[in-house]
Amino acid sequence: MSETKFTPGPWKNYAPVIAGKKDENYRNIEAGQGYFDSKDDNKGKGFSIQGYISKENADLMTAAPDLYDVLDDIVNAPSASDIFSLIPTAKRALAKARGETK
C-alpha cells in the first residue's frame, strides 16, 4: 500500500440546521482534524465543504476513503482467497457510498 496524500477517513456529511430548519440538499462534508490549522507539516490536515450538494453526492464523496482502501487492498492482495475475504468490506464501502449506512 503506497502512502496517500489525501485526508484519511472517516469523512462525514450531514445537513446542518440553519435558521431553525434543516435542508437535506445543503450539506456539510468534513474530514480530518484541524480544518483551519496552520501547522508546519500540514499532514493529516482536514477540510470542510459546505454548500448545496445532494445527499447522494455527499454520500459518495464521504465514502471515497473507504472505497479507495478496499480497492487498494484488492489490487495488492497476494492471492485470490485474500480478495474473497475482502468482499464484506467492499460491500460495506459500497453501501456507504449509496447512503445505506453511516
PDB file of N, CA and C in Angstrom:
ATOM      1  N   MET A   1       0.850  -1.172   0.000  1.00  0.00           N
ATOM      2  CA  MET A   1       0.000   0.000   0.000  1.00  0.00           C
ATOM      3  C   MET A   1       0.893   1.231   0.000  1.00  0.00           C
ATOM      4  N   SER A   2       0.715   2.106  -0.976  1.00  0.00           N
ATOM      5  CA  SER A   2       1.525   3.315  -1.032  1.00  0.00           C
ATOM      6  C   SER A   2       0.898   4.420  -0.186  1.00  0.00           C
ATOM      7  N   GLU A   3       1.740   5.369   0.181  1.00  0.00           N
ATOM      8  CA  GLU A   3       1.256   6.482   1.010  1.00  0.00           C
ATOM      9  C   GLU A   3       0.364   7.398   0.175  1.00  0.00           C
ATOM     10  N   THR A   4      -0.769   7.745   0.737  1.00  0.00           N
ATOM     11  CA  THR A   4      -1.691   8.646   0.039  1.00  0.00           C
ATOM     12  C   THR A   4      -1.462  10.073   0.505  1.00  0.00           C
ATOM     13  N   LYS A   5      -1.911  11.007  -0.301  1.00  0.00           N
ATOM     14  CA  LYS A   5      -1.751  12.414   0.034  1.00  0.00           C
ATOM     15  C   LYS A   5      -3.061  13.070   0.436  1.00  0.00           C
ATOM     16  N   PHE A   6      -4.154  12.329   0.326  1.00  0.00           N
ATOM     17  CA  PHE A   6      -5.449  12.896   0.703  1.00  0.00           C
ATOM     18  C   PHE A   6      -5.705  12.697   2.188  1.00  0.00           C
ATOM     19  N   THR A   7      -6.663  13.440   2.699  1.00  0.00           N
ATOM     20  CA  THR A   7      -7.036  13.329   4.103  1.00  0.00           C
ATOM     21  C   THR A   7      -7.675  11.964   4.336  1.00  0.00           C
ATOM     22  N   PRO A   8      -7.148  11.197   5.282  1.00  0.00           N
ATOM     23  CA  PRO A   8      -7.697   9.859   5.515  1.00  0.00           C
ATOM     24  C   PRO A   8      -9.102   9.929   6.112  1.00  0.00           C
ATOM     25  N   GLY A   9      -9.828   8.835   5.984  1.00  0.00           N
ATOM     26  CA  GLY A   9     -11.164   8.754   6.559  1.00  0.00           C
ATOM     27  C   GLY A   9     -11.100   8.539   8.048  1.00  0.00           C
ATOM     28  N   PRO A  10     -12.222   8.523   8.702  1.00  0.00           N
ATOM     29  CA  PRO A  10     -13.540   8.649   8.081  1.00  0.00           C
ATOM     30  C   PRO A  10     -13.898  10.102   7.770  1.00  0.00           C
ATOM     31  N   TRP A  11     -14.642  10.259   6.693  1.00  0.00           N
ATOM     32  CA  TRP A  11     -15.224  11.545   6.354  1.00  0.00           C
ATOM     33  C   TRP A  11     -16.697  11.457   6.736  1.00  0.00           C
ATOM     34  N   LYS A  12     -17.306  12.592   7.020  1.00  0.00           N
ATOM     35  CA  LYS A  12     -18.727  12.572   7.366  1.00  0.00           C
ATOM     36  C   LYS A  12     -19.451  13.691   6.642  1.00  0.00           C
ATOM     37  N   ASN A  13     -20.744  13.517   6.489  1.00  0.00           N
ATOM     38  CA  ASN A  13     -21.570  14.576   5.914  1.00  0.00           C
ATOM     39  C   ASN A  13     -22.886  14.628   6.657  1.00  0.00           C
ATOM     40  N   TYR A  14     -23.428  15.808   6.724  1.00  0.00           N
ATOM     41  CA  TYR A  14     -24.706  15.999   7.411  1.00  0.00           C
ATOM     42  C   TYR A  14     -25.351  17.281   6.921  1.00  0.00           C
ATOM     43  N   ALA A  15     -26.653  17.347   7.136  1.00  0.00           N
ATOM     44  CA  ALA A  15     -27.417  18.559   6.823  1.00  0.00           C
ATOM     45  C   ALA A  15     -27.495  19.383   8.104  1.00  0.00           C
ATOM     46  N   PRO A  16     -26.875  20.558   8.127  1.00  0.00           N
ATOM     47  CA  PRO A  16     -26.912  21.359   9.346  1.00  0.00           C
ATOM     48  C   PRO A  16     -28.263  22.062   9.503  1.00  0.00           C
ATOM     49  N   VAL A  17     -28.543  22.450  10.716  1.00  0.00           N
ATOM     50  CA  VAL A  17     -29.734  23.253  10.984  1.00  0.00           C
ATOM     51  C   VAL A  17     -29.334  24.716  10.805  1.00  0.00           C
ATOM     52  N   ILE A  18     -30.013  25.388   9.890  1.00  0.00           N
ATOM     53  CA  ILE A  18     -29.745  26.802   9.602  1.00  0.00           C
ATOM     54  C   ILE A  18     -31.049  27.555   9.784  1.00  0.00           C
ATOM     55  N   ALA A  19     -31.015  28.564  10.633  1.00  0.00           N
ATOM     56  CA  ALA A  19     -32.199  29.367  10.924  1.00  0.00           C
ATOM     57  C   ALA A  19     -33.373  28.484  11.341  1.00  0.00           C
ATOM     58  N   GLY A  20     -33.067  27.435  12.135  1.00  0.00           N
ATOM     59  CA  GLY A  20     -34.106  26.573  12.663  1.00  0.00           C
ATOM     60  C   GLY A  20     -34.638  25.532  11.712  1.00  0.00           C
ATOM     61  N   LYS A  21     -34.060  25.445  10.502  1.00  0.00           N
ATOM     62  CA  LYS A  21     -34.539  24.477   9.520  1.00  0.00           C
ATOM     63  C   LYS A  21     -33.382  23.649   8.992  1.00  0.00           C
ATOM     64  N   LYS A  22     -33.687  22.417   8.658  1.00  0.00           N
ATOM     65  CA  LYS A  22     -32.703  21.527   8.041  1.00  0.00           C
ATOM     66  C   LYS A  22     -33.082  21.332   6.577  1.00  0.00           C
ATOM     67  N   ASP A  23     -32.143  21.612   5.683  1.00  0.00           N
ATOM     68  CA  ASP A  23     -32.348  21.407   4.252  1.00  0.00           C
ATOM     69  C   ASP A  23     -31.425  20.270   3.836  1.00  0.00           C
ATOM     70  N   GLU A  24     -31.995  19.123   3.483  1.00  0.00           N
ATOM     71  CA  GLU A  24     -31.191  17.949   3.136  1.00  0.00           C
ATOM     72  C   GLU A  24     -30.336  18.171   1.893  1.00  0.00           C
ATOM     73  N   ASN A  25     -30.611  19.205   1.109  1.00  0.00           N
ATOM     74  CA  ASN A  25     -29.790  19.493  -0.064  1.00  0.00           C
ATOM     75  C   ASN A  25     -28.625  20.426   0.246  1.00  0.00           C
ATOM     76  N   TYR A  26     -28.574  20.942   1.469  1.00  0.00           N
ATOM     77  CA  TYR A  26     -27.427  21.746   1.902  1.00  0.00           C
ATOM     78  C   TYR A  26     -26.642  20.855   2.858  1.00  0.00           C
ATOM     79  N   ARG A  27     -25.405  20.534   2.505  1.00  0.00           N
ATOM     80  CA  ARG A  27     -24.635  19.556   3.269  1.00  0.00           C
ATOM     81  C   ARG A  27     -23.319  20.152   3.755  1.00  0.00           C
ATOM     82  N   ASN A  28     -22.872  19.646   4.875  1.00  0.00           N
ATOM     83  CA  ASN A  28     -21.509  19.854   5.358  1.00  0.00           C
ATOM     84  C   ASN A  28     -20.783  18.537   5.147  1.00  0.00           C
ATOM     85  N   ILE A  29     -19.612  18.596   4.552  1.00  0.00           N
ATOM     86  CA  ILE A  29     -18.744  17.427   4.415  1.00  0.00           C
ATOM     87  C   ILE A  29     -17.475  17.772   5.174  1.00  0.00           C
ATOM     88  N   GLU A  30     -17.108  16.926   6.140  1.00  0.00           N
ATOM     89  CA  GLU A  30     -15.955  17.197   6.988  1.00  0.00           C
ATOM     90  C   GLU A  30     -15.037  15.983   7.014  1.00  0.00           C
ATOM     91  N   ALA A  31     -13.745  16.266   7.100  1.00  0.00           N
ATOM     92  CA  ALA A  31     -12.759  15.188   7.176  1.00  0.00           C
ATOM     93  C   ALA A  31     -11.548  15.650   7.959  1.00  0.00           C
ATOM     94  N   GLY A  32     -10.988  14.739   8.716  1.00  0.00           N
ATOM     95  CA  GLY A  32      -9.736  15.011   9.404  1.00  0.00           C
ATOM     96  C   GLY A  32      -9.855  15.977  10.558  1.00  0.00           C
ATOM     97  N   GLN A  33      -8.715  16.369  11.062  1.00  0.00           N
ATOM     98  CA  GLN A  33      -8.627  17.269  12.205  1.00  0.00           C
ATOM     99  C   GLN A  33      -8.095  18.626  11.768  1.00  0.00           C
ATOM    100  N   GLY A  34      -8.413  19.647  12.523  1.00  0.00           N
ATOM    101  CA  GLY A  34      -7.818  20.962  12.327  1.00  0.00           C
ATOM    102  C   GLY A  34      -8.121  21.605  10.995  1.00  0.00           C
ATOM    103  N   TYR A  35      -9.378  21.806  10.717  1.00  0.00           N
ATOM    104  CA  TYR A  35      -9.780  22.347   9.420  1.00  0.00           C
ATOM    105  C   TYR A  35      -9.036  23.635   9.073  1.00  0.00           C
ATOM    106  N   PHE A  36      -8.816  24.489  10.053  1.00  0.00           N
ATOM    107  CA  PHE A  36      -8.170  25.773   9.788  1.00  0.00           C
ATOM    108  C   PHE A  36      -6.836  25.859  10.512  1.00  0.00           C
ATOM    109  N   ASP A  37      -6.217  24.732  10.724  1.00  0.00           N
ATOM    110  CA  ASP A  37      -4.956  24.642  11.450  1.00  0.00           C
ATOM    111  C   ASP A  37      -3.803  25.091  10.557  1.00  0.00           C
ATOM    112  N   SER A  38      -2.828  25.721  11.133  1.00  0.00           N
ATOM    113  CA  SER A  38      -1.688  26.191  10.338  1.00  0.00           C
ATOM    114  C   SER A  38      -0.395  25.522  10.771  1.00  0.00           C
ATOM    115  N   LYS A  39      -0.447  24.253  11.114  1.00  0.00           N
ATOM    116  CA  LYS A  39       0.755  23.525  11.485  1.00  0.00           C
ATOM    117  C   LYS A  39       1.722  23.488  10.303  1.00  0.00           C
ATOM    118  N   ASP A  40       3.000  23.427  10.631  1.00  0.00           N
ATOM    119  CA  ASP A  40       4.025  23.465   9.589  1.00  0.00           C
ATOM    120  C   ASP A  40       3.987  22.255   8.650  1.00  0.00           C
ATOM    121  N   ASP A  41       3.713  21.071   9.195  1.00  0.00           N
ATOM    122  CA  ASP A  41       3.810  19.875   8.357  1.00  0.00           C
ATOM    123  C   ASP A  41       2.559  19.628   7.506  1.00  0.00           C
ATOM    124  N   ASN A  42       1.425  20.181   7.880  1.00  0.00           N
ATOM    125  CA  ASN A  42       0.156  20.021   7.151  1.00  0.00           C
ATOM    126  C   ASN A  42      -0.275  18.571   6.988  1.00  0.00           C
ATOM    127  N   LYS A  43       0.388  17.614   7.619  1.00  0.00           N
ATOM    128  CA  LYS A  43      -0.010  16.209   7.497  1.00  0.00           C
ATOM    129  C   LYS A  43      -1.302  15.976   8.268  1.00  0.00           C
ATOM    130  N   GLY A  44      -2.214  15.262   7.644  1.00  0.00           N
ATOM    131  CA  GLY A  44      -3.478  14.954   8.279  1.00  0.00           C
ATOM    132  C   GLY A  44      -4.396  16.150   8.388  1.00  0.00           C
ATOM    133  N   LYS A  45      -4.058  17.233   7.710  1.00  0.00           N
ATOM    134  CA  LYS A  45      -4.888  18.425   7.758  1.00  0.00           C
ATOM    135  C   LYS A  45      -6.250  18.099   7.157  1.00  0.00           C
ATOM    136  N   GLY A  46      -7.268  18.526   7.838  1.00  0.00           N
ATOM    137  CA  GLY A  46      -8.615  18.212   7.398  1.00  0.00           C
ATOM    138  C   GLY A  46      -9.204  19.283   6.503  1.00  0.00           C
ATOM    139  N   PHE A  47     -10.468  19.105   6.191  1.00  0.00           N
ATOM    140  CA  PHE A  47     -11.181  20.100   5.399  1.00  0.00           C
ATOM    141  C   PHE A  47     -12.661  20.076   5.743  1.00  0.00           C
ATOM    142  N   SER A  48     -13.324  21.108   5.341  1.00  0.00           N
ATOM    143  CA  SER A  48     -14.756  21.223   5.492  1.00  0.00           C
ATOM    144  C   SER A  48     -15.305  21.879   4.232  1.00  0.00           C
ATOM    145  N   ILE A  49     -16.341  21.281   3.673  1.00  0.00           N
ATOM    146  CA  ILE A  49     -17.011  21.834   2.485  1.00  0.00           C
ATOM    147  C   ILE A  49     -18.472  22.014   2.861  1.00  0.00           C
ATOM    148  N   GLN A  50     -19.023  23.150   2.530  1.00  0.00           N
ATOM    149  CA  GLN A  50     -20.443  23.384   2.765  1.00  0.00           C
ATOM    150  C   GLN A  50     -21.069  23.937   1.494  1.00  0.00           C
ATOM    151  N   GLY A  51     -22.280  23.540   1.257  1.00  0.00           N
ATOM    152  CA  GLY A  51     -22.984  24.095   0.116  1.00  0.00           C
ATOM    153  C   GLY A  51     -24.136  23.215  -0.317  1.00  0.00           C
ATOM    154  N   TYR A  52     -24.718  23.598  -1.426  1.00  0.00           N
ATOM    155  CA  TYR A  52     -25.830  22.826  -1.960  1.00  0.00           C
ATOM    156  C   TYR A  52     -25.274  21.626  -2.711  1.00  0.00           C
ATOM    157  N   ILE A  53     -25.284  20.506  -2.032  1.00  0.00           N
ATOM    158  CA  ILE A  53     -24.791  19.238  -2.551  1.00  0.00           C
ATOM    159  C   ILE A  53     -25.870  18.219  -2.211  1.00  0.00           C
ATOM    160  N   SER A  54     -26.301  17.453  -3.179  1.00  0.00           N
ATOM    161  CA  SER A  54     -27.323  16.450  -2.868  1.00  0.00           C
ATOM    162  C   SER A  54     -26.761  15.436  -1.879  1.00  0.00           C
ATOM    163  N   LYS A  55     -27.650  14.860  -1.090  1.00  0.00           N
ATOM    164  CA  LYS A  55     -27.231  13.846  -0.122  1.00  0.00           C
ATOM    165  C   LYS A  55     -26.551  12.690  -0.836  1.00  0.00           C
ATOM    166  N   GLU A  56     -27.053  12.312  -1.995  1.00  0.00           N
ATOM    167  CA  GLU A  56     -26.475  11.194  -2.742  1.00  0.00           C
ATOM    168  C   GLU A  56     -25.027  11.482  -3.150  1.00  0.00           C
ATOM    169  N   ASN A  57     -24.756  12.685  -3.622  1.00  0.00           N
ATOM    170  CA  ASN A  57     -23.382  13.032  -3.985  1.00  0.00           C
ATOM    171  C   ASN A  57     -22.495  13.143  -2.750  1.00  0.00           C
ATOM    172  N   ALA A  58     -23.032  13.698  -1.665  1.00  0.00           N
ATOM    173  CA  ALA A  58     -22.265  13.800  -0.422  1.00  0.00           C
ATOM    174  C   ALA A  58     -21.944  12.416   0.132  1.00  0.00           C
ATOM    175  N   ASP A  59     -22.896  11.479   0.029  1.00  0.00           N
ATOM    176  CA  ASP A  59     -22.644  10.107   0.483  1.00  0.00           C
ATOM    177  C   ASP A  59     -21.502   9.472  -0.308  1.00  0.00           C
ATOM    178  N   LEU A  60     -21.509   9.652  -1.619  1.00  0.00           N
ATOM    179  CA  LEU A  60     -20.440   9.106  -2.457  1.00  0.00           C
ATOM    180  C   LEU A  60     -19.091   9.736  -2.099  1.00  0.00           C
ATOM    181  N   MET A  61     -19.066  11.048  -1.913  1.00  0.00           N
ATOM    182  CA  MET A  61     -17.814  11.726  -1.562  1.00  0.00           C
ATOM    183  C   MET A  61     -17.263  11.238  -0.227  1.00  0.00           C
ATOM    184  N   THR A  62     -18.134  11.099   0.763  1.00  0.00           N
ATOM    185  CA  THR A  62     -17.646  10.709   2.081  1.00  0.00           C
ATOM    186  C   THR A  62     -17.259   9.233   2.145  1.00  0.00           C
ATOM    187  N   ALA A  63     -17.699   8.443   1.178  1.00  0.00           N
ATOM    188  CA  ALA A  63     -17.290   7.037   1.112  1.00  0.00           C
ATOM    189  C   ALA A  63     -15.969   6.858   0.370  1.00  0.00           C
ATOM    190  N   ALA A  64     -15.461   7.907  -0.252  1.00  0.00           N
ATOM    191  CA  ALA A  64     -14.250   7.797  -1.076  1.00  0.00           C
ATOM    192  C   ALA A  64     -13.072   7.142  -0.349  1.00  0.00           C
ATOM    193  N   PRO A  65     -12.742   7.521   0.892  1.00  0.00           N
ATOM    194  CA  PRO A  65     -11.607   6.854   1.544  1.00  0.00           C
ATOM    195  C   PRO A  65     -11.832   5.360   1.755  1.00  0.00           C
ATOM    196  N   ASP A  66     -13.054   4.959   2.080  1.00  0.00           N
ATOM    197  CA  ASP A  66     -13.363   3.539   2.278  1.00  0.00           C
ATOM    198  C   ASP A  66     -13.244   2.780   0.959  1.00  0.00           C
ATOM    199  N   LEU A  67     -13.766   3.377  -0.115  1.00  0.00           N
ATOM    200  CA  LEU A  67     -13.681   2.744  -1.432  1.00  0.00           C
ATOM    201  C   LEU A  67     -12.228   2.631  -1.886  1.00  0.00           C
ATOM    202  N   TYR A  68     -11.455   3.681  -1.658  1.00  0.00           N
ATOM    203  CA  TYR A  68     -10.032   3.655  -2.010  1.00  0.00           C
ATOM    204  C   TYR A  68      -9.315   2.542  -1.247  1.00  0.00           C
ATOM    205  N   ASP A  69      -9.541   2.485   0.061  1.00  0.00           N
ATOM    206  CA  ASP A  69      -8.844   1.495   0.891  1.00  0.00           C
ATOM    207  C   ASP A  69      -9.127   0.066   0.438  1.00  0.00           C
ATOM    208  N   VAL A  70     -10.397  -0.254   0.204  1.00  0.00           N
ATOM    209  CA  VAL A  70     -10.713  -1.633  -0.169  1.00  0.00           C
ATOM    210  C   VAL A  70     -10.215  -1.937  -1.575  1.00  0.00           C
ATOM    211  N   LEU A  71     -10.275  -0.982  -2.483  1.00  0.00           N
ATOM    212  CA  LEU A  71      -9.753  -1.218  -3.829  1.00  0.00           C
ATOM    213  C   LEU A  71      -8.238  -1.419  -3.785  1.00  0.00           C
ATOM    214  N   ASP A  72      -7.554  -0.626  -2.984  1.00  0.00           N
ATOM    215  CA  ASP A  72      -6.107  -0.777  -2.822  1.00  0.00           C
ATOM    216  C   ASP A  72      -5.779  -2.159  -2.249  1.00  0.00           C
ATOM    217  N   ASP A  73      -6.560  -2.591  -1.256  1.00  0.00           N
ATOM    218  CA  ASP A  73      -6.349  -3.920  -0.677  1.00  0.00           C
ATOM    219  C   ASP A  73      -6.576  -5.024  -1.713  1.00  0.00           C
ATOM    220  N   ILE A  74      -7.592  -4.853  -2.549  1.00  0.00           N
ATOM    221  CA  ILE A  74      -7.899  -5.861  -3.566  1.00  0.00           C
ATOM    222  C   ILE A  74      -6.776  -5.958  -4.595  1.00  0.00           C
ATOM    223  N   VAL A  75      -6.334  -4.840  -5.130  1.00  0.00           N
ATOM    224  CA  VAL A  75      -5.305  -4.906  -6.182  1.00  0.00           C
ATOM    225  C   VAL A  75      -3.948  -5.331  -5.634  1.00  0.00           C
ATOM    226  N   ASN A  76      -3.744  -5.206  -4.333  1.00  0.00           N
ATOM    227  CA  ASN A  76      -2.475  -5.616  -3.736  1.00  0.00           C
ATOM    228  C   ASN A  76      -2.573  -6.928  -2.961  1.00  0.00           C
ATOM    229  N   ALA A  77      -3.704  -7.612  -3.094  1.00  0.00           N
ATOM    230  CA  ALA A  77      -3.887  -8.888  -2.385  1.00  0.00           C
ATOM    231  C   ALA A  77      -2.934  -9.939  -2.962  1.00  0.00           C
ATOM    232  N   PRO A  78      -2.300 -10.700  -2.091  1.00  0.00           N
ATOM    233  CA  PRO A  78      -1.347 -11.697  -2.576  1.00  0.00           C
ATOM    234  C   PRO A  78      -1.989 -12.920  -3.241  1.00  0.00           C
ATOM    235  N   SER A  79      -3.272 -13.168  -2.961  1.00  0.00           N
ATOM    236  CA  SER A  79      -3.915 -14.345  -3.556  1.00  0.00           C
ATOM    237  C   SER A  79      -5.406 -14.097  -3.739  1.00  0.00           C
ATOM    238  N   ALA A  80      -6.014 -14.964  -4.540  1.00  0.00           N
ATOM    239  CA  ALA A  80      -7.455 -14.850  -4.789  1.00  0.00           C
ATOM    240  C   ALA A  80      -8.253 -15.037  -3.508  1.00  0.00           C
ATOM    241  N   SER A  81      -7.809 -15.934  -2.637  1.00  0.00           N
ATOM    242  CA  SER A  81      -8.556 -16.141  -1.393  1.00  0.00           C
ATOM    243  C   SER A  81      -8.532 -14.876  -0.531  1.00  0.00           C
ATOM    244  N   ASP A  82      -7.448 -14.111  -0.601  1.00  0.00           N
ATOM    245  CA  ASP A  82      -7.398 -12.838   0.130  1.00  0.00           C
ATOM    246  C   ASP A  82      -8.401 -11.845  -0.457  1.00  0.00           C
ATOM    247  N   ILE A  83      -8.560 -11.875  -1.759  1.00  0.00           N
ATOM    248  CA  ILE A  83      -9.537 -10.985  -2.410  1.00  0.00           C
ATOM    249  C   ILE A  83     -10.948 -11.356  -1.944  1.00  0.00           C
ATOM    250  N   PHE A  84     -11.255 -12.647  -1.936  1.00  0.00           N
ATOM    251  CA  PHE A  84     -12.585 -13.082  -1.494  1.00  0.00           C
ATOM    252  C   PHE A  84     -12.862 -12.659  -0.059  1.00  0.00           C
ATOM    253  N   SER A  85     -11.845 -12.629   0.775  1.00  0.00           N
ATOM    254  CA  SER A  85     -12.052 -12.232   2.172  1.00  0.00           C
ATOM    255  C   SER A  85     -12.362 -10.737   2.298  1.00  0.00           C
ATOM    256  N   LEU A  86     -12.080  -9.975   1.243  1.00  0.00           N
ATOM    257  CA  LEU A  86     -12.340  -8.531   1.262  1.00  0.00           C
ATOM    258  C   LEU A  86     -13.744  -8.171   0.783  1.00  0.00           C
ATOM    259  N   ILE A  87     -14.485  -9.128   0.285  1.00  0.00           N
ATOM    260  CA  ILE A  87     -15.821  -8.846  -0.249  1.00  0.00           C
ATOM    261  C   ILE A  87     -16.735  -8.189   0.790  1.00  0.00           C
ATOM    262  N   PRO A  88     -16.798  -8.663   2.044  1.00  0.00           N
ATOM    263  CA  PRO A  88     -17.657  -7.967   3.018  1.00  0.00           C
ATOM    264  C   PRO A  88     -17.259  -6.503   3.229  1.00  0.00           C
ATOM    265  N   THR A  89     -15.970  -6.222   3.240  1.00  0.00           N
ATOM    266  CA  THR A  89     -15.504  -4.836   3.389  1.00  0.00           C
ATOM    267  C   THR A  89     -15.913  -4.008   2.174  1.00  0.00           C
ATOM    268  N   ALA A  90     -15.787  -4.587   0.995  1.00  0.00           N
ATOM    269  CA  ALA A  90     -16.188  -3.892  -0.230  1.00  0.00           C
ATOM    270  C   ALA A  90     -17.695  -3.617  -0.229  1.00  0.00           C
ATOM    271  N   LYS A  91     -18.486  -4.569   0.229  1.00  0.00           N
ATOM    272  CA  LYS A  91     -19.943  -4.381   0.292  1.00  0.00           C
ATOM    273  C   LYS A  91     -20.305  -3.256   1.268  1.00  0.00           C
ATOM    274  N   ARG A  92     -19.596  -3.172   2.400  1.00  0.00           N
ATOM    275  CA  ARG A  92     -19.848  -2.083   3.359  1.00  0.00           C
ATOM    276  C   ARG A  92     -19.489  -0.729   2.750  1.00  0.00           C
ATOM    277  N   ALA A  93     -18.385  -0.669   2.024  1.00  0.00           N
ATOM    278  CA  ALA A  93     -17.978   0.592   1.396  1.00  0.00           C
ATOM    279  C   ALA A  93     -18.993   1.023   0.335  1.00  0.00           C
ATOM    280  N   LEU A  94     -19.479   0.074  -0.448  1.00  0.00           N
ATOM    281  CA  LEU A  94     -20.491   0.402  -1.454  1.00  0.00           C
ATOM    282  C   LEU A  94     -21.799   0.841  -0.807  1.00  0.00           C
ATOM    283  N   ALA A  95     -22.189   0.187   0.276  1.00  0.00           N
ATOM    284  CA  ALA A  95     -23.409   0.585   0.990  1.00  0.00           C
ATOM    285  C   ALA A  95     -23.270   2.011   1.522  1.00  0.00           C
ATOM    286  N   LYS A  96     -22.093   2.346   2.023  1.00  0.00           N
ATOM    287  CA  LYS A  96     -21.856   3.707   2.497  1.00  0.00           C
ATOM    288  C   LYS A  96     -21.962   4.696   1.337  1.00  0.00           C
ATOM    289  N   ALA A  97     -21.397   4.349   0.187  1.00  0.00           N
ATOM    290  CA  ALA A  97     -21.460   5.226  -0.988  1.00  0.00           C
ATOM    291  C   ALA A  97     -22.898   5.436  -1.458  1.00  0.00           C
ATOM    292  N   ARG A  98     -23.738   4.426  -1.254  1.00  0.00           N
ATOM    293  CA  ARG A  98     -25.153   4.540  -1.641  1.00  0.00           C
ATOM    294  C   ARG A  98     -26.009   5.198  -0.558  1.00  0.00           C
ATOM    295  N   GLY A  99     -25.384   5.545   0.581  1.00  0.00           N
ATOM    296  CA  GLY A  99     -26.124   6.194   1.655  1.00  0.00           C
ATOM    297  C   GLY A  99     -26.947   5.245   2.491  1.00  0.00           C
ATOM    298  N   GLU A 100     -26.628   3.960   2.441  1.00  0.00           N
ATOM    299  CA  GLU A 100     -27.400   2.959   3.181  1.00  0.00           C
ATOM    300  C   GLU A 100     -26.888   2.777   4.601  1.00  0.00           C
ATOM    301  N   THR A 101     -25.701   3.254   4.896  1.00  0.00           N
ATOM    302  CA  THR A 101     -25.111   3.180   6.233  1.00  0.00           C
ATOM    303  C   THR A 101     -24.390   4.485   6.515  1.00  0.00           C
ATOM    304  N   LYS A 102     -23.883   4.598   7.725  1.00  0.00           N
ATOM    305  CA  LYS A 102     -23.100   5.788   8.077  1.00  0.00           C
ATOM    306  C   LYS A 102     -21.645   5.449   8.083  1.00  0.00           C
TER     307      LYS A 102
END
